Protein backbone atom coordinates (compact mmCIF):
# COMPACT_ATOMS: atom_id res chain seq x y z
CA MET A 1 -27.46 -28.46 2.68
CA ASN A 2 -24.71 -28.26 -0.10
CA LYS A 3 -21.63 -26.78 0.70
CA THR A 4 -20.42 -22.93 -0.75
CA ILE A 5 -17.14 -21.89 -2.10
CA LEU A 6 -16.19 -18.02 -1.16
CA TYR A 7 -13.81 -18.01 -3.15
CA GLY A 8 -10.83 -15.07 -4.27
CA ALA A 9 -8.12 -13.00 -3.24
CA PHE A 10 -8.01 -13.04 0.60
CA GLY A 11 -5.69 -14.92 0.26
CA ARG A 12 -3.07 -12.29 0.47
CA TYR A 13 -3.18 -8.60 3.34
CA ASN A 14 -5.29 -6.37 1.12
CA PHE A 15 -7.63 -5.21 3.59
CA GLY A 16 -10.63 -5.22 0.97
CA ASP A 17 -10.14 -8.15 -0.02
CA ILE A 18 -10.35 -8.99 2.58
CA LEU A 19 -13.35 -7.87 3.58
CA PHE A 20 -14.96 -9.43 0.98
CA PRO A 21 -16.02 -12.65 2.14
CA TYR A 22 -17.65 -11.37 5.75
CA ILE A 23 -19.67 -9.52 3.80
CA ILE A 24 -21.09 -12.39 1.60
CA ALA A 25 -21.51 -14.79 4.66
CA GLU A 26 -23.33 -11.70 6.64
CA LEU A 27 -25.56 -11.07 3.32
CA LEU A 28 -26.77 -15.10 3.39
CA ALA A 29 -26.54 -14.79 7.19
CA GLU A 30 -28.84 -11.61 7.52
CA ASN A 31 -31.30 -13.68 4.38
CA ASN A 32 -31.61 -17.17 6.50
CA ILE A 33 -29.37 -19.03 4.11
CA LYS A 34 -28.03 -21.86 5.18
CA ALA A 35 -25.09 -23.11 3.64
CA ASP A 36 -21.45 -24.79 4.53
CA LEU A 37 -19.10 -22.06 4.09
CA GLU A 38 -15.07 -22.92 2.51
CA TYR A 39 -13.04 -19.38 2.59
CA CYS A 40 -10.79 -19.99 -0.87
CA ASP A 41 -7.53 -18.51 -2.21
CA ILE A 42 -6.03 -20.17 -5.29
CA LEU A 43 -3.51 -21.14 -1.96
CA SER A 44 -4.23 -21.76 2.00
CA ARG A 45 -2.96 -19.25 3.85
CA ASP A 46 -3.49 -18.59 7.12
CA MET A 47 -4.77 -15.12 7.42
CA SER A 48 -6.28 -14.86 11.04
CA MET A 49 -3.52 -12.36 12.00
CA HIS A 50 -4.84 -10.12 9.63
CA GLY A 51 -8.73 -9.75 10.11
CA GLY A 52 -8.90 -12.66 7.81
CA HIS A 53 -9.98 -15.89 7.23
CA LYS A 54 -8.15 -19.13 7.40
CA VAL A 55 -8.08 -19.95 3.98
CA LYS A 56 -7.90 -23.43 1.81
CA SER A 57 -6.85 -23.81 -1.84
CA ILE A 58 -9.87 -24.18 -3.70
CA VAL A 59 -7.77 -27.38 -5.48
CA ASP A 60 -8.89 -29.01 -2.71
CA PHE A 61 -12.26 -29.21 -3.40
CA LEU A 62 -12.50 -29.61 -7.57
CA ASP A 63 -13.14 -32.90 -6.82
CA TYR A 64 -15.50 -32.37 -4.46
CA SER A 65 -18.26 -35.48 -5.14
CA ASP A 66 -22.27 -33.24 -4.01
CA LEU A 67 -23.41 -30.64 -5.38
CA ILE A 68 -21.48 -27.91 -4.84
CA ASN A 69 -21.88 -23.45 -5.16
CA VAL A 70 -18.80 -21.07 -6.47
CA ILE A 71 -19.42 -17.41 -4.69
CA HIS A 72 -16.40 -15.28 -6.56
CA VAL A 73 -16.68 -12.03 -3.77
CA GLY A 74 -15.30 -9.47 -5.62
CA GLY A 75 -12.60 -6.97 -6.99
CA GLN A 76 -10.10 -6.59 -10.23
CA THR A 77 -10.06 -9.80 -10.74
CA LEU A 78 -11.26 -10.77 -14.15
CA GLY A 79 -7.95 -10.32 -16.09
CA CYS A 80 -5.68 -12.23 -13.26
CA ASP A 81 -3.18 -14.34 -14.93
CA MET A 82 -2.42 -17.72 -12.99
CA LYS A 83 1.09 -17.70 -12.92
CA PHE A 84 0.99 -14.11 -11.92
CA VAL A 85 -1.23 -14.69 -8.61
CA ILE A 86 0.85 -17.90 -7.55
CA LYS A 87 3.48 -16.06 -7.34
CA MET A 88 2.13 -13.36 -5.25
CA PHE A 89 2.37 -16.09 -3.30
CA ASN A 90 5.34 -17.24 -3.57
CA PRO A 91 5.19 -20.51 -2.87
CA ASP A 92 7.52 -23.41 -1.77
CA ARG A 93 8.74 -24.77 -5.02
CA ASN A 94 7.98 -28.63 -4.28
CA ASP A 95 4.01 -27.40 -3.51
CA ALA A 96 1.80 -30.03 -4.64
CA ASN A 97 -1.01 -27.59 -5.61
CA ILE A 98 1.11 -25.15 -8.59
CA PRO A 99 0.68 -27.82 -10.93
CA LYS A 100 -3.18 -28.27 -10.44
CA LEU A 101 -3.83 -24.40 -10.67
CA LYS A 102 -2.03 -24.27 -13.72
CA LYS A 103 -4.24 -26.48 -15.33
CA ILE A 104 -7.19 -23.89 -14.44
CA SER A 105 -7.33 -21.56 -17.69
CA GLN A 106 -7.03 -18.24 -16.89
CA PRO A 107 -7.66 -15.89 -15.31
CA ALA A 108 -6.78 -16.94 -12.34
CA TYR A 109 -9.80 -16.13 -10.40
CA ILE A 110 -12.76 -17.81 -12.47
CA LEU A 111 -13.70 -20.90 -12.12
CA SER A 112 -15.56 -22.83 -15.35
CA LYS A 113 -18.83 -24.95 -14.10
CA SER A 114 -16.42 -27.89 -15.81
CA ASP A 115 -13.29 -27.39 -13.58
CA PHE A 116 -15.78 -29.24 -11.06
CA VAL A 117 -17.36 -32.34 -10.37
CA LYS A 118 -20.77 -31.49 -9.53
CA PRO A 119 -21.11 -27.80 -9.99
CA ASN A 120 -24.34 -26.14 -8.91
CA LYS A 121 -24.93 -22.45 -8.67
CA PHE A 122 -22.26 -20.24 -9.88
CA ILE A 123 -22.09 -16.64 -8.97
CA LEU A 124 -19.89 -14.11 -10.08
CA ASN A 125 -20.60 -10.85 -7.49
CA SER A 126 -19.73 -7.43 -8.06
CA ALA A 127 -16.01 -7.93 -9.64
CA GLY A 128 -14.32 -5.72 -12.17
CA GLY A 129 -11.58 -5.74 -14.87
CA PHE A 130 -11.97 -7.52 -18.06
CA SER A 131 -10.27 -10.51 -21.09
CA MET A 132 -12.48 -12.28 -23.81
CA GLN A 133 -11.14 -16.04 -21.29
CA ALA A 134 -13.07 -14.49 -18.32
CA CYS A 135 -16.46 -13.59 -20.65
CA GLN A 136 -16.76 -17.26 -21.73
CA LYS A 137 -15.65 -18.79 -18.63
CA ILE A 138 -18.61 -17.26 -16.94
CA LYS A 139 -21.24 -16.84 -19.57
CA ASN A 140 -23.15 -20.21 -18.20
CA TYR A 141 -23.08 -18.57 -14.66
CA ASP A 142 -26.37 -18.14 -12.61
CA TYR A 143 -25.65 -14.38 -11.88
CA ILE A 144 -23.17 -12.28 -12.83
CA SER A 145 -22.74 -8.43 -11.42
CA LEU A 146 -19.86 -6.19 -12.34
CA ARG A 147 -18.84 -2.80 -10.56
CA ASP A 148 -17.88 -0.87 -12.84
CA TYR A 149 -19.96 0.75 -15.91
CA LYS A 150 -16.37 -0.18 -17.78
CA SER A 151 -16.30 -3.78 -17.24
CA TYR A 152 -19.84 -4.14 -17.91
CA LYS A 153 -20.13 -2.30 -20.89
CA LYS A 154 -17.28 -4.48 -22.21
CA PHE A 155 -18.56 -7.87 -20.82
CA THR A 156 -22.82 -6.52 -22.57
CA GLU A 157 -20.30 -6.09 -26.28
CA ASN A 158 -19.10 -9.36 -25.90
CA SER A 159 -22.33 -10.95 -25.77
CA LEU A 160 -22.79 -11.05 -22.12
CA GLU A 161 -26.28 -10.56 -21.33
CA ASN A 162 -27.61 -12.18 -18.54
CA SER A 163 -25.17 -8.80 -16.26
CA ILE A 164 -25.46 -6.72 -14.14
CA HIS A 165 -23.66 -3.46 -12.84
CA CYS A 166 -23.53 -3.24 -8.83
CA VAL A 167 -21.83 -1.40 -6.32
CA ASP A 168 -19.16 -3.08 -5.01
CA SER A 169 -19.91 -5.25 -2.44
CA ALA A 170 -17.53 -3.46 0.33
CA ILE A 171 -20.48 -0.68 0.30
CA LEU A 172 -21.72 -2.39 3.34
CA THR A 173 -18.75 -2.95 5.57
CA LYS A 174 -19.77 -0.77 7.82
CA ARG A 175 -23.58 -1.61 7.52
CA PHE A 176 -22.09 -5.56 8.36
CA PHE A 177 -18.98 -4.71 11.17
CA GLU A 178 -19.96 -0.95 12.78
CA ASN A 179 -19.72 -2.38 15.67
CA VAL A 180 -16.54 -4.74 15.01
CA ILE A 181 -14.63 -1.16 13.62
CA ALA A 182 -15.79 0.93 16.99
CA GLU A 183 -13.98 -1.69 19.24
CA ARG A 184 -10.49 -1.55 17.99
CA ASN A 185 -9.88 1.54 19.80
CA THR A 186 -8.87 -0.81 22.16
CA THR A 187 -6.09 -2.31 20.63
CA GLU A 188 -2.84 -1.70 20.37
CA HIS A 189 -2.00 -0.05 17.73
CA ILE A 190 -5.12 2.56 17.64
CA GLN A 191 -4.35 3.50 20.76
CA GLY A 192 -0.61 3.77 19.63
CA ILE A 193 -2.25 6.82 17.29
CA HIS A 194 -3.93 8.46 19.38
CA LYS A 195 -1.48 9.02 22.22
CA SER A 196 1.15 9.74 19.42
CA VAL A 197 -0.99 12.40 17.60
CA GLY A 198 -4.78 12.97 19.39
CA SER A 199 -7.89 11.83 17.78
CA ASN A 200 -8.44 14.48 15.61
CA TYR A 201 -6.37 13.48 12.25
CA ILE A 202 -5.54 13.62 8.21
CA ALA A 203 -5.54 9.55 7.73
CA VAL A 204 -3.62 9.31 3.80
CA GLN A 205 -2.37 5.48 2.84
CA MET A 206 -0.52 5.35 -0.90
CA ASN A 207 1.14 3.17 -3.05
CA ALA A 208 4.25 2.12 -3.33
CA ASN A 209 4.17 2.54 -7.24
CA PHE A 210 2.74 5.87 -6.96
CA SER A 211 4.69 7.15 -4.08
CA ASN A 212 8.22 6.16 -5.37
CA ASN A 213 7.14 7.58 -8.52
CA ASN A 214 6.28 11.00 -7.20
CA ARG A 215 8.48 11.28 -3.64
CA ASN A 216 9.37 15.13 -4.10
CA SER A 217 6.18 16.13 -5.19
CA ILE A 218 4.22 14.01 -2.11
CA ILE A 219 6.32 15.31 0.57
CA LYS A 220 5.94 18.89 -0.08
CA CYS A 221 1.62 18.07 -0.68
CA LEU A 222 1.88 16.08 2.84
CA TYR A 223 4.63 19.09 4.66
CA ARG A 224 2.03 21.58 2.61
CA ILE A 225 -0.75 19.41 4.16
CA ILE A 226 0.46 19.82 7.42
CA LEU A 227 1.49 23.51 7.60
CA GLU A 228 -2.41 24.47 5.98
CA SER A 229 -4.68 22.14 8.16
CA ASN A 230 -2.68 22.66 11.12
CA LEU A 231 -3.92 18.53 11.34
CA PRO A 232 -0.99 15.38 12.07
CA LEU A 233 -0.97 12.87 9.20
CA VAL A 234 -1.87 9.38 10.08
CA LEU A 235 0.21 7.20 6.95
CA PHE A 236 -1.24 3.51 6.94
CA ALA A 237 -1.18 0.53 5.42
CA ALA A 238 -4.27 -0.58 3.46
CA GLY A 239 -1.86 -4.32 1.87
CA THR A 240 1.09 -4.93 2.45
CA ALA A 241 0.83 -7.69 -1.10
CA PRO A 242 3.12 -7.82 -3.70
CA SER A 243 2.79 -4.45 -5.74
CA HIS A 244 0.82 -2.40 -2.76
CA ASP A 245 1.59 -0.27 -0.03
CA LYS A 246 5.50 0.15 2.56
CA PHE A 247 5.46 0.98 5.05
CA GLU A 248 9.22 1.55 4.06
CA THR A 249 8.09 4.75 2.32
CA TYR A 250 6.47 6.11 5.04
CA TYR A 251 9.15 6.15 6.95
CA GLU A 252 11.37 8.09 4.09
CA PHE A 253 8.77 10.13 3.97
CA SER A 254 8.37 10.72 7.43
CA LYS A 255 12.36 11.94 7.66
CA HIS A 256 11.48 15.18 5.78
CA LEU A 257 7.83 16.01 7.73
CA PRO A 258 7.60 17.08 11.46
CA LYS A 259 7.99 14.27 13.96
CA ASN A 260 4.97 15.46 15.72
CA MET A 261 2.79 16.23 13.02
CA LEU A 262 3.03 12.13 12.29
CA HIS A 263 2.40 9.14 13.23
CA ILE A 264 2.87 5.69 11.03
CA CYS A 265 0.75 3.03 12.22
CA GLU A 266 2.38 -0.06 10.82
CA SER A 267 -0.25 -3.06 11.21
CA GLU A 268 -2.34 -5.20 9.39
CA ASN A 269 -4.98 -5.73 10.16
CA CYS A 270 -8.60 -4.70 8.29
CA TRP A 271 -10.32 -3.79 10.97
CA ASP A 272 -7.27 -1.31 11.91
CA VAL A 273 -7.80 0.17 8.73
CA CYS A 274 -11.26 0.22 9.03
CA ASN A 275 -10.45 1.84 12.44
CA ILE A 276 -8.36 4.58 11.32
CA ILE A 277 -10.54 5.57 8.28
CA SER A 278 -14.23 6.02 10.71
CA ASN A 279 -12.56 7.91 12.80
CA ALA A 280 -10.12 10.93 10.83
CA SER A 281 -10.72 13.56 9.78
CA PHE A 282 -10.56 13.57 6.39
CA VAL A 283 -8.70 10.65 4.10
CA LEU A 284 -6.26 10.76 1.12
CA GLY A 285 -5.86 7.79 -0.50
CA THR A 286 -4.32 5.40 -3.56
CA SER A 287 -7.12 2.62 -2.51
CA LEU A 288 -10.64 2.15 -4.56
CA HIS A 289 -11.82 0.54 -0.63
CA VAL A 290 -10.07 3.43 0.99
CA ARG A 291 -12.04 5.45 -0.64
CA ILE A 292 -15.96 3.12 -0.14
CA LEU A 293 -14.67 3.17 3.32
CA SER A 294 -14.57 6.65 3.90
CA MET A 295 -18.05 7.53 1.79
CA GLN A 296 -19.29 5.09 4.20
CA TYR A 297 -18.27 7.07 6.96
CA PHE A 298 -18.81 10.46 5.90
CA LYS A 299 -15.54 11.13 5.81
CA PRO A 300 -13.99 14.13 3.44
CA ARG A 301 -12.33 12.29 1.17
CA ALA A 302 -10.25 12.40 -2.34
CA THR A 303 -7.97 9.85 -3.99
CA LEU A 304 -5.08 9.90 -6.28
CA SER A 305 -3.40 7.82 -9.22
CA LEU A 306 -6.75 7.19 -10.24
CA GLY A 307 -6.99 3.29 -12.88
CA ASP A 308 -10.58 2.88 -14.42
CA LYS A 309 -11.81 1.20 -11.03
CA HIS A 310 -11.21 4.36 -9.07
CA SER A 311 -12.45 6.15 -11.56
CA GLY A 312 -15.24 3.96 -12.52
CA PHE A 313 -16.45 4.39 -8.07
CA ILE A 314 -15.85 7.73 -8.69
CA ILE A 315 -18.21 8.71 -11.11
CA ASP A 316 -21.17 5.32 -11.42
CA TRP A 317 -21.55 5.13 -7.87
CA ASP A 318 -19.70 8.81 -5.24
CA ASN A 319 -21.76 12.02 -4.80
CA ILE A 320 -18.14 13.73 -4.64
CA LYS A 321 -16.98 13.48 -8.21
CA ASN A 322 -13.09 14.80 -7.72
CA ILE A 323 -12.08 12.58 -10.22
CA SER A 324 -8.02 13.69 -10.17
CA ILE A 325 -6.59 16.34 -8.50
CA ASP A 326 -3.39 17.40 -8.91
CA LEU A 327 -0.59 16.55 -5.66
CA GLN A 328 0.00 20.43 -5.80
CA ASN A 329 -3.66 21.11 -5.21
CA VAL A 330 -4.46 18.53 -2.30
CA PRO A 331 -3.81 20.56 -0.25
CA ALA A 332 -6.08 23.05 -0.63
CA TYR A 333 -8.58 20.73 -1.41
CA ILE A 334 -8.16 19.76 2.21
CA SER A 335 -8.59 22.56 3.67
CA LYS A 336 -11.47 23.72 1.85
CA SER A 337 -13.67 20.09 2.48
CA LEU A 338 -13.07 20.22 6.29
CA LEU A 339 -15.12 23.33 5.97
CA ASN A 340 -17.03 22.10 3.91
CA HIS A 341 -18.16 18.55 3.57
CA ASP A 342 -22.18 17.76 2.99
CA ILE A 343 -22.72 14.48 5.49
CA ASP A 344 -26.83 15.08 4.38
CA SER A 345 -25.28 14.14 0.89
CA ASP A 346 -23.07 11.30 1.66
CA MET A 347 -25.24 10.10 4.21
CA LYS A 348 -28.29 9.66 1.26
CA GLN A 349 -25.55 8.14 -0.95
CA LEU A 350 -24.56 5.27 1.11
CA ASP A 351 -28.80 4.84 2.15
CA PHE A 352 -29.19 4.60 -1.51
CA LEU A 353 -26.01 2.28 -2.55
CA GLU A 354 -26.49 -0.28 0.23
CA GLN A 355 -30.68 -0.81 -0.73
CA ASP A 356 -29.17 -1.11 -4.35
CA TYR A 357 -26.69 -3.65 -3.88
CA ILE A 358 -29.58 -5.54 -1.69
CA TYR A 359 -32.45 -5.39 -4.05
CA LYS A 360 -29.79 -6.29 -7.17
CA SER A 361 -28.26 -9.30 -5.45
CA THR A 362 -31.43 -11.82 -6.15
CA TRP A 363 -28.43 -13.92 -5.92
CA ILE A 364 -29.12 -14.67 -2.24
CA HIS A 365 -32.25 -16.37 -2.90
CA SER A 366 -31.43 -18.98 -5.81
CA LEU A 367 -28.65 -21.01 -3.27
């Protein structure tokens, strides 16, 4: 049984990234693939309080003397600068792993087979982004899937002919973890939502940068959502790693909104986030994986602050093609969607995407 590294950006709190290694492990188990799994980010962190793994540093395995597989678990990582990634971890200045990490060529989350003593199978699973450095490093990978067409096109234009276009693997979250997510109903944070505003609510998540740049427009938008839908809002964070969400921003919003129609859920656990989405009447957010989870639970949804990864998912894979909705139009869109959402279309698309991802994941049987 070869050692298999699950490698990715799941050593800091962003709920989508934390889900990836769980999904890969379940895929292996479902196919009766026995593997000695290790969960690695660039530095070690205990993510169990966030619903994640006890994560090791990838440098612990660079000198591993036996055959080793590496599975890049997914995410927008194909252009991540190592210095920036290290900074996100806020490491101790004397951490002995830092000089070793700086010897890994860019980008941070793409490893070369030459980084290891006895590399075996190297898998790139439904990743996004682009850099020429990544293009060179993954040319000798055994399997490459890219989660949006723009990334796929850039790589193929640069002579990477052995890649495929495949949906983000987080599309399998409900398939594997529906019971885990439902069981969060008994936790303090989820019960706090139901006691505060009930079980019929609009879930809202917003990135701190987007929130700060649109503060007044967001407050007006949220106020009108409450007024027009007559539903309370549950504000939650999809991640509190640097450049993600901030509860302080939500509390600033709350000063201008009716107290009895608003609940701020301060949970930093990925399974609570999934539960909040699963129970919502409508989901509004800026996170890609908030969108993907909303789709799996057949929720009417809208995504703000669209980057390439968001628009890529919506154009390529979502059956709801609401690419761009201005904040001033969001309340009316929500009211309309609450009345006219096509659940059957969601169900058919989810079934297609699950089967398509599994069909394309031929790497499973190469390990």
